[in-house]
PDB file of all heavy atoms in Angstrom:
ATOM      1  N   LYS A   1       0.933 -33.312 -19.425  1.00  0.00           N
ATOM      2  CA  LYS A   1       0.310 -32.707 -18.244  1.00  0.00           C
ATOM      3  C   LYS A   1       0.546 -33.548 -16.985  1.00  0.00           C
ATOM      4  O   LYS A   1       0.539 -33.018 -15.875  1.00  0.00           O
ATOM      5  CB  LYS A   1      -1.188 -32.538 -18.474  1.00  0.00           C
ATOM      6  CG  LYS A   1      -1.553 -31.404 -19.424  1.00  0.00           C
ATOM      7  CD  LYS A   1      -3.055 -31.248 -19.521  1.00  0.00           C
ATOM      8  CE  LYS A   1      -3.418 -30.044 -20.380  1.00  0.00           C
ATOM      9  NZ  LYS A   1      -4.900 -29.887 -20.494  1.00  0.00           N
ATOM     10  N   GLY A   2       0.733 -34.844 -17.163  1.00  0.00           N
ATOM     11  CA  GLY A   2       0.985 -35.705 -16.018  1.00  0.00           C
ATOM     12  C   GLY A   2       2.258 -35.357 -15.283  1.00  0.00           C
ATOM     13  O   GLY A   2       2.435 -35.753 -14.117  1.00  0.00           O
ATOM     14  N   TYR A   3       3.139 -34.632 -15.935  1.00  0.00           N
ATOM     15  CA  TYR A   3       4.401 -34.240 -15.298  1.00  0.00           C
ATOM     16  C   TYR A   3       4.153 -33.359 -14.072  1.00  0.00           C
ATOM     17  O   TYR A   3       4.908 -33.417 -13.096  1.00  0.00           O
ATOM     18  CB  TYR A   3       5.283 -33.490 -16.299  1.00  0.00           C
ATOM     19  CG  TYR A   3       6.586 -32.997 -15.710  1.00  0.00           C
ATOM     20  CD1 TYR A   3       7.666 -33.858 -15.574  1.00  0.00           C
ATOM     21  CD2 TYR A   3       6.731 -31.682 -15.277  1.00  0.00           C
ATOM     22  CE1 TYR A   3       8.864 -33.419 -15.025  1.00  0.00           C
ATOM     23  CE2 TYR A   3       7.917 -31.231 -14.729  1.00  0.00           C
ATOM     24  CZ  TYR A   3       8.985 -32.109 -14.606  1.00  0.00           C
ATOM     25  OH  TYR A   3      10.158 -31.664 -14.050  1.00  0.00           O
ATOM     26  N   ILE A   4       3.071 -32.578 -14.107  1.00  0.00           N
ATOM     27  CA  ILE A   4       2.806 -31.616 -13.030  1.00  0.00           C
ATOM     28  C   ILE A   4       2.612 -32.344 -11.700  1.00  0.00           C
ATOM     29  O   ILE A   4       3.305 -32.062 -10.718  1.00  0.00           O
ATOM     30  CB  ILE A   4       1.570 -30.763 -13.382  1.00  0.00           C
ATOM     31  CG1 ILE A   4       1.824 -29.970 -14.672  1.00  0.00           C
ATOM     32  CG2 ILE A   4       1.238 -29.815 -12.235  1.00  0.00           C
ATOM     33  CD1 ILE A   4       0.590 -29.291 -15.221  1.00  0.00           C
ATOM     34  N   ASN A   5       1.669 -33.290 -11.669  1.00  0.00           N
ATOM     35  CA  ASN A   5       1.407 -34.021 -10.421  1.00  0.00           C
ATOM     36  C   ASN A   5       2.590 -34.908 -10.032  1.00  0.00           C
ATOM     37  O   ASN A   5       2.895 -35.068  -8.844  1.00  0.00           O
ATOM     38  CB  ASN A   5       0.141 -34.866 -10.567  1.00  0.00           C
ATOM     39  CG  ASN A   5      -1.104 -33.999 -10.659  1.00  0.00           C
ATOM     40  OD1 ASN A   5      -1.150 -32.894 -10.124  1.00  0.00           O
ATOM     41  ND2 ASN A   5      -2.114 -34.490 -11.358  1.00  0.00           N
ATOM     42  N   TRP A   6       3.239 -35.489 -11.033  1.00  0.00           N
ATOM     43  CA  TRP A   6       4.402 -36.329 -10.752  1.00  0.00           C
ATOM     44  C   TRP A   6       5.503 -35.516 -10.081  1.00  0.00           C
ATOM     45  O   TRP A   6       6.099 -35.953  -9.092  1.00  0.00           O
ATOM     46  CB  TRP A   6       4.913 -36.952 -12.047  1.00  0.00           C
ATOM     47  CG  TRP A   6       6.163 -37.764 -11.894  1.00  0.00           C
ATOM     48  CD1 TRP A   6       6.258 -39.080 -11.563  1.00  0.00           C
ATOM     49  CD2 TRP A   6       7.524 -37.301 -12.063  1.00  0.00           C
ATOM     50  NE1 TRP A   6       7.571 -39.479 -11.516  1.00  0.00           N
ATOM     51  CE2 TRP A   6       8.379 -38.405 -11.816  1.00  0.00           C
ATOM     52  CE3 TRP A   6       8.094 -36.083 -12.399  1.00  0.00           C
ATOM     53  CZ2 TRP A   6       9.759 -38.308 -11.903  1.00  0.00           C
ATOM     54  CZ3 TRP A   6       9.481 -35.977 -12.479  1.00  0.00           C
ATOM     55  CH2 TRP A   6      10.297 -37.086 -12.232  1.00  0.00           C
ATOM     56  N   ARG A   7       5.741 -34.336 -10.581  1.00  0.00           N
ATOM     57  CA  ARG A   7       6.823 -33.497 -10.055  1.00  0.00           C
ATOM     58  C   ARG A   7       6.477 -32.939  -8.680  1.00  0.00           C
ATOM     59  O   ARG A   7       7.341 -32.859  -7.794  1.00  0.00           O
ATOM     60  CB  ARG A   7       7.104 -32.358 -11.027  1.00  0.00           C
ATOM     61  CG  ARG A   7       8.307 -31.495 -10.666  1.00  0.00           C
ATOM     62  CD  ARG A   7       9.574 -32.274 -10.701  1.00  0.00           C
ATOM     63  NE  ARG A   7      10.745 -31.416 -10.603  1.00  0.00           N
ATOM     64  CZ  ARG A   7      11.804 -31.669  -9.856  1.00  0.00           C
ATOM     65  NH1 ARG A   7      11.851 -32.767  -9.123  1.00  0.00           N
ATOM     66  NH2 ARG A   7      12.830 -30.843  -9.838  1.00  0.00           N
ATOM     67  N   LEU A   8       5.222 -32.539  -8.479  1.00  0.00           N
ATOM     68  CA  LEU A   8       4.818 -31.995  -7.187  1.00  0.00           C
ATOM     69  C   LEU A   8       4.915 -33.043  -6.081  1.00  0.00           C
ATOM     70  O   LEU A   8       5.035 -32.695  -4.902  1.00  0.00           O
ATOM     71  CB  LEU A   8       3.386 -31.464  -7.260  1.00  0.00           C
ATOM     72  CG  LEU A   8       3.188 -30.167  -8.051  1.00  0.00           C
ATOM     73  CD1 LEU A   8       1.715 -29.859  -8.205  1.00  0.00           C
ATOM     74  CD2 LEU A   8       3.915 -29.000  -7.389  1.00  0.00           C
ATOM     75  N   ALA A   9       4.861 -34.316  -6.464  1.00  0.00           N
ATOM     76  CA  ALA A   9       4.976 -35.393  -5.476  1.00  0.00           C
ATOM     77  C   ALA A   9       6.425 -35.691  -5.116  1.00  0.00           C
ATOM     78  O   ALA A   9       6.686 -36.447  -4.165  1.00  0.00           O
ATOM     79  CB  ALA A   9       4.313 -36.662  -6.007  1.00  0.00           C
ATOM     80  N   GLN A  10       7.369 -35.095  -5.858  1.00  0.00           N
ATOM     81  CA  GLN A  10       8.786 -35.307  -5.580  1.00  0.00           C
ATOM     82  C   GLN A  10       9.234 -34.405  -4.430  1.00  0.00           C
ATOM     83  O   GLN A  10       8.500 -33.537  -3.964  1.00  0.00           O
ATOM     84  CB  GLN A  10       9.631 -35.004  -6.829  1.00  0.00           C
ATOM     85  CG  GLN A  10       9.182 -35.742  -8.084  1.00  0.00           C
ATOM     86  CD  GLN A  10       9.411 -37.225  -7.980  1.00  0.00           C
ATOM     87  OE1 GLN A  10      10.478 -37.670  -7.606  1.00  0.00           O
ATOM     88  NE2 GLN A  10       8.386 -38.001  -8.316  1.00  0.00           N
ATOM     89  N   SER A  11      10.435 -34.592  -3.975  1.00  0.00           N
ATOM     90  CA  SER A  11      11.038 -33.728  -2.957  1.00  0.00           C
ATOM     91  C   SER A  11      12.415 -33.300  -3.434  1.00  0.00           C
ATOM     92  O   SER A  11      13.055 -33.991  -4.229  1.00  0.00           O
ATOM     93  CB  SER A  11      11.141 -34.442  -1.607  1.00  0.00           C
ATOM     94  OG  SER A  11      11.919 -35.620  -1.729  1.00  0.00           O
ATOM     95  N   SER A  12      12.855 -32.145  -2.957  1.00  0.00           N
ATOM     96  CA  SER A  12      14.158 -31.626  -3.345  1.00  0.00           C
ATOM     97  C   SER A  12      15.261 -32.428  -2.667  1.00  0.00           C
ATOM     98  O   SER A  12      15.005 -33.281  -1.807  1.00  0.00           O
ATOM     99  CB  SER A  12      14.273 -30.148  -2.972  1.00  0.00           C
ATOM    100  OG  SER A  12      14.311 -30.005  -1.567  1.00  0.00           O
ATOM    101  N   TYR A  13      16.503 -32.130  -3.029  1.00  0.00           N
ATOM    102  CA  TYR A  13      17.627 -32.858  -2.433  1.00  0.00           C
ATOM    103  C   TYR A  13      17.761 -32.547  -0.950  1.00  0.00           C
ATOM    104  O   TYR A  13      18.410 -33.271  -0.208  1.00  0.00           O
ATOM    105  CB  TYR A  13      18.926 -32.520  -3.174  1.00  0.00           C
ATOM    106  CG  TYR A  13      19.406 -31.104  -2.981  1.00  0.00           C
ATOM    107  CD1 TYR A  13      20.344 -30.787  -2.009  1.00  0.00           C
ATOM    108  CD2 TYR A  13      18.938 -30.070  -3.797  1.00  0.00           C
ATOM    109  CE1 TYR A  13      20.795 -29.496  -1.829  1.00  0.00           C
ATOM    110  CE2 TYR A  13      19.373 -28.765  -3.631  1.00  0.00           C
ATOM    111  CZ  TYR A  13      20.301 -28.492  -2.659  1.00  0.00           C
ATOM    112  OH  TYR A  13      20.735 -27.205  -2.480  1.00  0.00           O
ATOM    113  N   ARG A  14      17.109 -31.469  -0.496  1.00  0.00           N
ATOM    114  CA  ARG A  14      17.133 -31.138   0.930  1.00  0.00           C
ATOM    115  C   ARG A  14      15.976 -31.785   1.681  1.00  0.00           C
ATOM    116  O   ARG A  14      15.837 -31.614   2.885  1.00  0.00           O
ATOM    117  CB  ARG A  14      17.053 -29.615   1.106  1.00  0.00           C
ATOM    118  CG  ARG A  14      18.283 -28.880   0.562  1.00  0.00           C
ATOM    119  CD  ARG A  14      18.098 -27.384   0.689  1.00  0.00           C
ATOM    120  NE  ARG A  14      19.264 -26.667   0.188  1.00  0.00           N
ATOM    121  CZ  ARG A  14      19.325 -25.335   0.072  1.00  0.00           C
ATOM    122  NH1 ARG A  14      18.288 -24.613   0.431  1.00  0.00           N
ATOM    123  NH2 ARG A  14      20.406 -24.749  -0.394  1.00  0.00           N
ATOM    124  N   GLY A  15      15.128 -32.507   0.958  1.00  0.00           N
ATOM    125  CA  GLY A  15      14.006 -33.175   1.596  1.00  0.00           C
ATOM    126  C   GLY A  15      12.747 -32.349   1.681  1.00  0.00           C
ATOM    127  O   GLY A  15      11.733 -32.806   2.212  1.00  0.00           O
ATOM    128  N   THR A  16      12.765 -31.117   1.167  1.00  0.00           N
ATOM    129  CA  THR A  16      11.581 -30.258   1.199  1.00  0.00           C
ATOM    130  C   THR A  16      10.741 -30.484  -0.053  1.00  0.00           C
ATOM    131  O   THR A  16      11.260 -30.886  -1.098  1.00  0.00           O
ATOM    132  CB  THR A  16      12.002 -28.784   1.278  1.00  0.00           C
ATOM    133  OG1 THR A  16      12.841 -28.475   0.144  1.00  0.00           O
ATOM    134  CG2 THR A  16      12.777 -28.509   2.552  1.00  0.00           C
ATOM    135  N   PRO A  17       9.431 -30.225   0.010  1.00  0.00           N
ATOM    136  CA  PRO A  17       8.577 -30.401  -1.178  1.00  0.00           C
ATOM    137  C   PRO A  17       8.992 -29.453  -2.304  1.00  0.00           C
ATOM    138  O   PRO A  17       9.504 -28.356  -2.057  1.00  0.00           O
ATOM    139  CB  PRO A  17       7.169 -30.069  -0.653  1.00  0.00           C
ATOM    140  CG  PRO A  17       7.260 -30.224   0.834  1.00  0.00           C
ATOM    141  CD  PRO A  17       8.658 -29.853   1.203  1.00  0.00           C
ATOM    142  N   ILE A  18       8.749 -29.890  -3.524  1.00  0.00           N
ATOM    143  CA  ILE A  18       9.049 -29.051  -4.675  1.00  0.00           C
ATOM    144  C   ILE A  18       8.052 -27.902  -4.733  1.00  0.00           C
ATOM    145  O   ILE A  18       6.842 -28.107  -4.645  1.00  0.00           O
ATOM    146  CB  ILE A  18       8.979 -29.874  -5.980  1.00  0.00           C
ATOM    147  CG1 ILE A  18      10.044 -30.966  -5.975  1.00  0.00           C
ATOM    148  CG2 ILE A  18       9.150 -28.974  -7.196  1.00  0.00           C
ATOM    149  CD1 ILE A  18      11.468 -30.463  -5.973  1.00  0.00           C
ATOM    150  N   ALA A  19       8.553 -26.684  -4.876  1.00  0.00           N
ATOM    151  CA  ALA A  19       7.678 -25.507  -4.916  1.00  0.00           C
ATOM    152  C   ALA A  19       6.901 -25.479  -6.224  1.00  0.00           C
ATOM    153  O   ALA A  19       7.438 -25.831  -7.283  1.00  0.00           O
ATOM    154  CB  ALA A  19       8.512 -24.227  -4.779  1.00  0.00           C
ATOM    155  N   PRO A  20       5.631 -25.063  -6.197  1.00  0.00           N
ATOM    156  CA  PRO A  20       4.843 -24.968  -7.437  1.00  0.00           C
ATOM    157  C   PRO A  20       5.484 -24.069  -8.492  1.00  0.00           C
ATOM    158  O   PRO A  20       5.368 -24.335  -9.684  1.00  0.00           O
ATOM    159  CB  PRO A  20       3.500 -24.402  -6.953  1.00  0.00           C
ATOM    160  CG  PRO A  20       3.400 -24.824  -5.530  1.00  0.00           C
ATOM    161  CD  PRO A  20       4.807 -24.775  -5.010  1.00  0.00           C
ATOM    162  N   THR A  21       6.165 -23.004  -8.038  1.00  0.00           N
ATOM    163  CA  THR A  21       6.814 -22.128  -9.014  1.00  0.00           C
ATOM    164  C   THR A  21       7.946 -22.848  -9.742  1.00  0.00           C
ATOM    165  O   THR A  21       8.211 -22.568 -10.912  1.00  0.00           O
ATOM    166  CB  THR A  21       7.373 -20.875  -8.313  1.00  0.00           C
ATOM    167  OG1 THR A  21       8.146 -21.269  -7.170  1.00  0.00           O
ATOM    168  CG2 THR A  21       6.258 -19.970  -7.856  1.00  0.00           C
ATOM    169  N   THR A  22       8.605 -23.788  -9.067  1.00  0.00           N
ATOM    170  CA  THR A  22       9.649 -24.577  -9.729  1.00  0.00           C
ATOM    171  C   THR A  22       9.044 -25.428 -10.836  1.00  0.00           C
ATOM    172  O   THR A  22       9.587 -25.515 -11.940  1.00  0.00           O
ATOM    173  CB  THR A  22      10.360 -25.484  -8.706  1.00  0.00           C
ATOM    174  OG1 THR A  22      10.959 -24.677  -7.689  1.00  0.00           O
ATOM    175  CG2 THR A  22      11.430 -26.331  -9.375  1.00  0.00           C
ATOM    176  N   VAL A  23       7.900 -26.054 -10.541  1.00  0.00           N
ATOM    177  CA  VAL A  23       7.217 -26.865 -11.555  1.00  0.00           C
ATOM    178  C   VAL A  23       6.755 -25.985 -12.709  1.00  0.00           C
ATOM    179  O   VAL A  23       6.829 -26.379 -13.877  1.00  0.00           O
ATOM    180  CB  VAL A  23       6.023 -27.610 -10.925  1.00  0.00           C
ATOM    181  CG1 VAL A  23       5.319 -28.483 -11.961  1.00  0.00           C
ATOM    182  CG2 VAL A  23       6.486 -28.462  -9.753  1.00  0.00           C
ATOM    183  N   MET A  24       6.291 -24.794 -12.399  1.00  0.00           N
ATOM    184  CA  MET A  24       5.858 -23.866 -13.448  1.00  0.00           C
ATOM    185  C   MET A  24       7.010 -23.538 -14.390  1.00  0.00           C
ATOM    186  O   MET A  24       6.854 -23.542 -15.618  1.00  0.00           O
ATOM    187  CB  MET A  24       5.309 -22.582 -12.820  1.00  0.00           C
ATOM    188  CG  MET A  24       4.832 -21.539 -13.831  1.00  0.00           C
ATOM    189  SD  MET A  24       4.277 -20.011 -13.034  1.00  0.00           S
ATOM    190  CE  MET A  24       5.837 -19.360 -12.432  1.00  0.00           C
ATOM    191  N   HIS A  25       8.194 -23.272 -13.832  1.00  0.00           N
ATOM    192  CA  HIS A  25       9.355 -22.955 -14.662  1.00  0.00           C
ATOM    193  C   HIS A  25       9.777 -24.159 -15.504  1.00  0.00           C
ATOM    194  O   HIS A  25      10.156 -24.012 -16.671  1.00  0.00           O
ATOM    195  CB  HIS A  25      10.518 -22.497 -13.776  1.00  0.00           C
ATOM    196  CG  HIS A  25      10.248 -21.198 -13.098  1.00  0.00           C
ATOM    197  ND1 HIS A  25      10.792 -20.871 -11.866  1.00  0.00           N
ATOM    198  CD2 HIS A  25       9.485 -20.142 -13.455  1.00  0.00           C
ATOM    199  CE1 HIS A  25      10.375 -19.669 -11.509  1.00  0.00           C
ATOM    200  NE2 HIS A  25       9.587 -19.211 -12.456  1.00  0.00           N
ATOM    201  N   GLU A  26       9.683 -25.366 -14.927  1.00  0.00           N
ATOM    202  CA  GLU A  26      10.058 -26.560 -15.683  1.00  0.00           C
ATOM    203  C   GLU A  26       9.069 -26.849 -16.806  1.00  0.00           C
ATOM    204  O   GLU A  26       9.466 -27.303 -17.884  1.00  0.00           O
ATOM    205  CB  GLU A  26      10.149 -27.750 -14.722  1.00  0.00           C
ATOM    206  CG  GLU A  26      11.324 -27.643 -13.761  1.00  0.00           C
ATOM    207  CD  GLU A  26      11.309 -28.694 -12.669  1.00  0.00           C
ATOM    208  OE1 GLU A  26      10.317 -29.449 -12.565  1.00  0.00           O
ATOM    209  OE2 GLU A  26      12.293 -28.759 -11.897  1.00  0.00           O
ATOM    210  N   MET A  27       7.793 -26.550 -16.574  1.00  0.00           N
ATOM    211  CA  MET A  27       6.805 -26.708 -17.651  1.00  0.00           C
ATOM    212  C   MET A  27       7.042 -25.694 -18.763  1.00  0.00           C
ATOM    213  O   MET A  27       6.795 -25.980 -19.943  1.00  0.00           O
ATOM    214  CB  MET A  27       5.395 -26.558 -17.085  1.00  0.00           C
ATOM    215  CG  MET A  27       4.939 -27.719 -16.209  1.00  0.00           C
ATOM    216  SD  MET A  27       4.891 -29.298 -17.104  1.00  0.00           S
ATOM    217  CE  MET A  27       3.514 -29.030 -18.206  1.00  0.00           C
ATOM    218  N   GLN A  28       7.530 -24.527 -18.407  1.00  0.00           N
ATOM    219  CA  GLN A  28       7.890 -23.538 -19.435  1.00  0.00           C
ATOM    220  C   GLN A  28       9.035 -24.066 -20.303  1.00  0.00           C
ATOM    221  O   GLN A  28       9.027 -23.896 -21.525  1.00  0.00           O
ATOM    222  CB  GLN A  28       8.280 -22.221 -18.776  1.00  0.00           C
ATOM    223  CG  GLN A  28       7.118 -21.500 -18.111  1.00  0.00           C
ATOM    224  CD  GLN A  28       7.565 -20.299 -17.303  1.00  0.00           C
ATOM    225  OE1 GLN A  28       8.769 -20.055 -17.105  1.00  0.00           O
ATOM    226  NE2 GLN A  28       6.612 -19.528 -16.807  1.00  0.00           N
ATOM    227  N   ILE A  29      10.000 -24.721 -19.673  1.00  0.00           N
ATOM    228  CA  ILE A  29      11.103 -25.319 -20.424  1.00  0.00           C
ATOM    229  C   ILE A  29      10.585 -26.437 -21.322  1.00  0.00           C
ATOM    230  O   ILE A  29      10.995 -26.567 -22.486  1.00  0.00           O
ATOM    231  CB  ILE A  29      12.186 -25.853 -19.465  1.00  0.00           C
ATOM    232  CG1 ILE A  29      12.819 -24.707 -18.677  1.00  0.00           C
ATOM    233  CG2 ILE A  29      13.258 -26.627 -20.236  1.00  0.00           C
ATOM    234  CD1 ILE A  29      13.542 -23.689 -19.519  1.00  0.00           C
ATOM    235  N   LEU A  30       9.657 -27.268 -20.815  1.00  0.00           N
ATOM    236  CA  LEU A  30       9.087 -28.343 -21.630  1.00  0.00           C
ATOM    237  C   LEU A  30       8.405 -27.782 -22.866  1.00  0.00           C
ATOM    238  O   LEU A  30       8.554 -28.325 -23.967  1.00  0.00           O
ATOM    239  CB  LEU A  30       8.101 -29.158 -20.797  1.00  0.00           C
ATOM    240  CG  LEU A  30       7.306 -30.239 -21.554  1.00  0.00           C
ATOM    241  CD1 LEU A  30       8.245 -31.237 -22.222  1.00  0.00           C
ATOM    242  CD2 LEU A  30       6.336 -30.952 -20.623  1.00  0.00           C
ATOM    243  N   ASN A  31       7.669 -26.703 -22.711  1.00  0.00           N
ATOM    244  CA  ASN A  31       7.000 -26.094 -23.860  1.00  0.00           C
ATOM    245  C   ASN A  31       8.001 -25.518 -24.852  1.00  0.00           C
ATOM    246  O   ASN A  31       7.776 -25.557 -26.063  1.00  0.00           O
ATOM    247  CB  ASN A  31       6.026 -25.014 -23.388  1.00  0.00           C
ATOM    248  CG  ASN A  31       4.701 -25.583 -22.940  1.00  0.00           C
ATOM    249  OD1 ASN A  31       3.837 -25.878 -23.759  1.00  0.00           O
ATOM    250  ND2 ASN A  31       4.531 -25.758 -21.643  1.00  0.00           N
ATOM    251  N   GLN A  32       9.106 -24.995 -24.350  1.00  0.00           N
ATOM    252  CA  GLN A  32      10.152 -24.502 -25.258  1.00  0.00           C
ATOM    253  C   GLN A  32      10.801 -25.660 -26.009  1.00  0.00           C
ATOM    254  O   GLN A  32      11.173 -25.519 -27.178  1.00  0.00           O
ATOM    255  CB  GLN A  32      11.192 -23.713 -24.459  1.00  0.00           C
ATOM    256  CG  GLN A  32      10.662 -22.399 -23.901  1.00  0.00           C
ATOM    257  CD  GLN A  32      11.664 -21.694 -23.022  1.00  0.00           C
ATOM    258  OE1 GLN A  32      12.872 -21.905 -23.135  1.00  0.00           O
ATOM    259  NE2 GLN A  32      11.186 -20.846 -22.127  1.00  0.00           N
ATOM    260  N   ILE A  33      10.931 -26.805 -25.348  1.00  0.00           N
ATOM    261  CA  ILE A  33      11.474 -27.998 -26.008  1.00  0.00           C
ATOM    262  C   ILE A  33      10.529 -28.455 -27.119  1.00  0.00           C
ATOM    263  O   ILE A  33      10.965 -28.807 -28.222  1.00  0.00           O
ATOM    264  CB  ILE A  33      11.700 -29.120 -24.977  1.00  0.00           C
ATOM    265  CG1 ILE A  33      12.852 -28.744 -24.036  1.00  0.00           C
ATOM    266  CG2 ILE A  33      11.995 -30.448 -25.663  1.00  0.00           C
ATOM    267  CD1 ILE A  33      13.004 -29.685 -22.859  1.00  0.00           C
ATOM    268  N   LEU A  34       9.231 -28.438 -26.841  1.00  0.00           N
ATOM    269  CA  LEU A  34       8.251 -28.831 -27.855  1.00  0.00           C
ATOM    270  C   LEU A  34       8.239 -27.847 -29.021  1.00  0.00           C
ATOM    271  O   LEU A  34       8.094 -28.248 -30.187  1.00  0.00           O
ATOM    272  CB  LEU A  34       6.865 -28.921 -27.217  1.00  0.00           C
ATOM    273  CG  LEU A  34       6.686 -30.018 -26.159  1.00  0.00           C
ATOM    274  CD1 LEU A  34       5.319 -29.918 -25.511  1.00  0.00           C
ATOM    275  CD2 LEU A  34       6.877 -31.403 -26.777  1.00  0.00           C
ATOM    276  N   ASP A  35       8.395 -26.554 -28.725  1.00  0.00           N
ATOM    277  CA  ASP A  35       8.492 -25.564 -29.803  1.00  0.00           C
ATOM    278  C   ASP A  35       9.731 -25.814 -30.665  1.00  0.00           C
ATOM    279  O   ASP A  35       9.691 -25.651 -31.888  1.00  0.00           O
ATOM    280  CB  ASP A  35       8.548 -24.151 -29.220  1.00  0.00           C
ATOM    281  CG  ASP A  35       7.213 -23.722 -28.625  1.00  0.00           C
ATOM    282  OD1 ASP A  35       6.172 -24.316 -29.002  1.00  0.00           O
ATOM    283  OD2 ASP A  35       7.203 -22.803 -27.778  1.00  0.00           O
ATOM    284  N   HIS A  36      10.822 -26.205 -30.002  1.00  0.00           N
ATOM    285  CA  HIS A  36      12.046 -26.545 -30.730  1.00  0.00           C
ATOM    286  C   HIS A  36      11.802 -27.725 -31.667  1.00  0.00           C
ATOM    287  O   HIS A  36      12.266 -27.732 -32.815  1.00  0.00           O
ATOM    288  CB  HIS A  36      13.164 -26.871 -29.739  1.00  0.00           C
ATOM    289  CG  HIS A  36      14.398 -27.428 -30.355  1.00  0.00           C
ATOM    290  ND1 HIS A  36      15.370 -26.634 -30.936  1.00  0.00           N
ATOM    291  CD2 HIS A  36      14.831 -28.719 -30.514  1.00  0.00           C
ATOM    292  CE1 HIS A  36      16.332 -27.391 -31.412  1.00  0.00           C
ATOM    293  NE2 HIS A  36      16.036 -28.663 -31.163  1.00  0.00           N
ATOM    294  N   ALA A  37      11.060 -28.727 -31.181  1.00  0.00           N
ATOM    295  CA  ALA A  37      10.760 -29.901 -32.005  1.00  0.00           C
ATOM    296  C   ALA A  37       9.899 -29.523 -33.206  1.00  0.00           C
ATOM    297  O   ALA A  37      10.080 -30.063 -34.307  1.00  0.00           O
ATOM    298  CB  ALA A  37      10.056 -30.957 -31.162  1.00  0.00           C
ATOM    299  N   VAL A  38       8.978 -28.585 -33.022  1.00  0.00           N
ATOM    300  CA  VAL A  38       8.140 -28.128 -34.139  1.00  0.00           C
ATOM    301  C   VAL A  38       8.983 -27.372 -35.151  1.00  0.00           C
ATOM    302  O   VAL A  38       8.846 -27.557 -36.373  1.00  0.00           O
ATOM    303  CB  VAL A  38       6.987 -27.248 -33.613  1.00  0.00           C
ATOM    304  CG1 VAL A  38       6.237 -26.604 -34.782  1.00  0.00           C
ATOM    305  CG2 VAL A  38       6.022 -28.080 -32.778  1.00  0.00           C
ATOM    306  N   ASP A  39       9.866 -26.491 -34.651  1.00  0.00           N
ATOM    307  CA  ASP A  39      10.735 -25.720 -35.560  1.00  0.00           C
ATOM    308  C   ASP A  39      11.631 -26.635 -36.391  1.00  0.00           C
ATOM    309  O   ASP A  39      11.882 -26.366 -37.570  1.00  0.00           O
ATOM    310  CB  ASP A  39      11.596 -24.740 -34.758  1.00  0.00           C
ATOM    311  CG  ASP A  39      10.771 -23.628 -34.131  1.00  0.00           C
ATOM    312  OD1 ASP A  39       9.645 -23.393 -34.609  1.00  0.00           O
ATOM    313  OD2 ASP A  39      11.247 -23.009 -33.155  1.00  0.00           O
ATOM    314  N   LYS A  40      12.110 -27.712 -35.780  1.00  0.00           N
ATOM    315  CA  LYS A  40      12.970 -28.661 -36.480  1.00  0.00           C
ATOM    316  C   LYS A  40      12.165 -29.681 -37.292  1.00  0.00           C
ATOM    317  O   LYS A  40      12.746 -30.526 -37.960  1.00  0.00           O
ATOM    318  CB  LYS A  40      13.862 -29.405 -35.472  1.00  0.00           C
ATOM    319  CG  LYS A  40      14.884 -28.524 -34.775  1.00  0.00           C
ATOM    320  CD  LYS A  40      15.939 -28.042 -35.748  1.00  0.00           C
ATOM    321  CE  LYS A  40      17.036 -27.258 -35.023  1.00  0.00           C
ATOM    322  NZ  LYS A  40      18.082 -26.784 -35.952  1.00  0.00           N
ATOM    323  N   ARG A  41      10.837 -29.574 -37.194  1.00  0.00           N
ATOM    324  CA  ARG A  41       9.914 -30.449 -37.927  1.00  0.00           C
ATOM    325  C   ARG A  41      10.038 -31.913 -37.497  1.00  0.00           C
ATOM    326  O   ARG A  41       9.845 -32.822 -38.298  1.00  0.00           O
ATOM    327  CB  ARG A  41      10.111 -30.299 -39.444  1.00  0.00           C
ATOM    328  CG  ARG A  41       9.913 -28.870 -39.939  1.00  0.00           C
ATOM    329  CD  ARG A  41       9.933 -28.784 -41.439  1.00  0.00           C
ATOM    330  NE  ARG A  41       9.859 -27.408 -41.891  1.00  0.00           N
ATOM    331  CZ  ARG A  41       8.717 -26.727 -42.063  1.00  0.00           C
ATOM    332  NH1 ARG A  41       7.576 -27.317 -41.794  1.00  0.00           N
ATOM    333  NH2 ARG A  41       8.731 -25.485 -42.493  1.00  0.00           N
ATOM    334  N   TYR A  42      10.366 -32.115 -36.217  1.00  0.00           N
ATOM    335  CA  TYR A  42      10.345 -33.475 -35.679  1.00  0.00           C
ATOM    336  C   TYR A  42       8.907 -33.914 -35.397  1.00  0.00           C
ATOM    337  O   TYR A  42       8.610 -35.108 -35.407  1.00  0.00           O
ATOM    338  CB  TYR A  42      11.164 -33.562 -34.392  1.00  0.00           C
ATOM    339  CG  TYR A  42      12.624 -33.206 -34.567  1.00  0.00           C
ATOM    340  CD1 TYR A  42      13.338 -32.557 -33.569  1.00  0.00           C
ATOM    341  CD2 TYR A  42      13.305 -33.517 -35.755  1.00  0.00           C
ATOM    342  CE1 TYR A  42      14.673 -32.225 -33.727  1.00  0.00           C
ATOM    343  CE2 TYR A  42      14.638 -33.185 -35.923  1.00  0.00           C
ATOM    344  CZ  TYR A  42      15.314 -32.537 -34.902  1.00  0.00           C
ATOM    345  OH  TYR A  42      16.632 -32.209 -35.067  1.00  0.00           O
ATOM    346  N   ILE A  43       8.063 -32.929 -35.091  1.00  0.00           N
ATOM    347  CA  ILE A  43       6.632 -33.180 -34.939  1.00  0.00           C
ATOM    348  C   ILE A  43       5.877 -32.069 -35.652  1.00  0.00           C
ATOM    349  O   ILE A  43       6.411 -30.970 -35.860  1.00  0.00           O
ATOM    350  CB  ILE A  43       6.203 -33.213 -33.444  1.00  0.00           C
ATOM    351  CG1 ILE A  43       6.622 -31.928 -32.723  1.00  0.00           C
ATOM    352  CG2 ILE A  43       6.759 -34.439 -32.757  1.00  0.00           C
ATOM    353  CD1 ILE A  43       6.155 -31.848 -31.282  1.00  0.00           C
TER     354      ILE A  43
END
């Protein structure tokens, strides 16, 4: 969960703040990665 605040504090390569929807999409990818780890029985 700490990734959310960490990412929102970052800026894009153009110097603009990271949009909340971008963080939302990246958290969706993180959850898919964790699901992959469960399927492979890594956790």
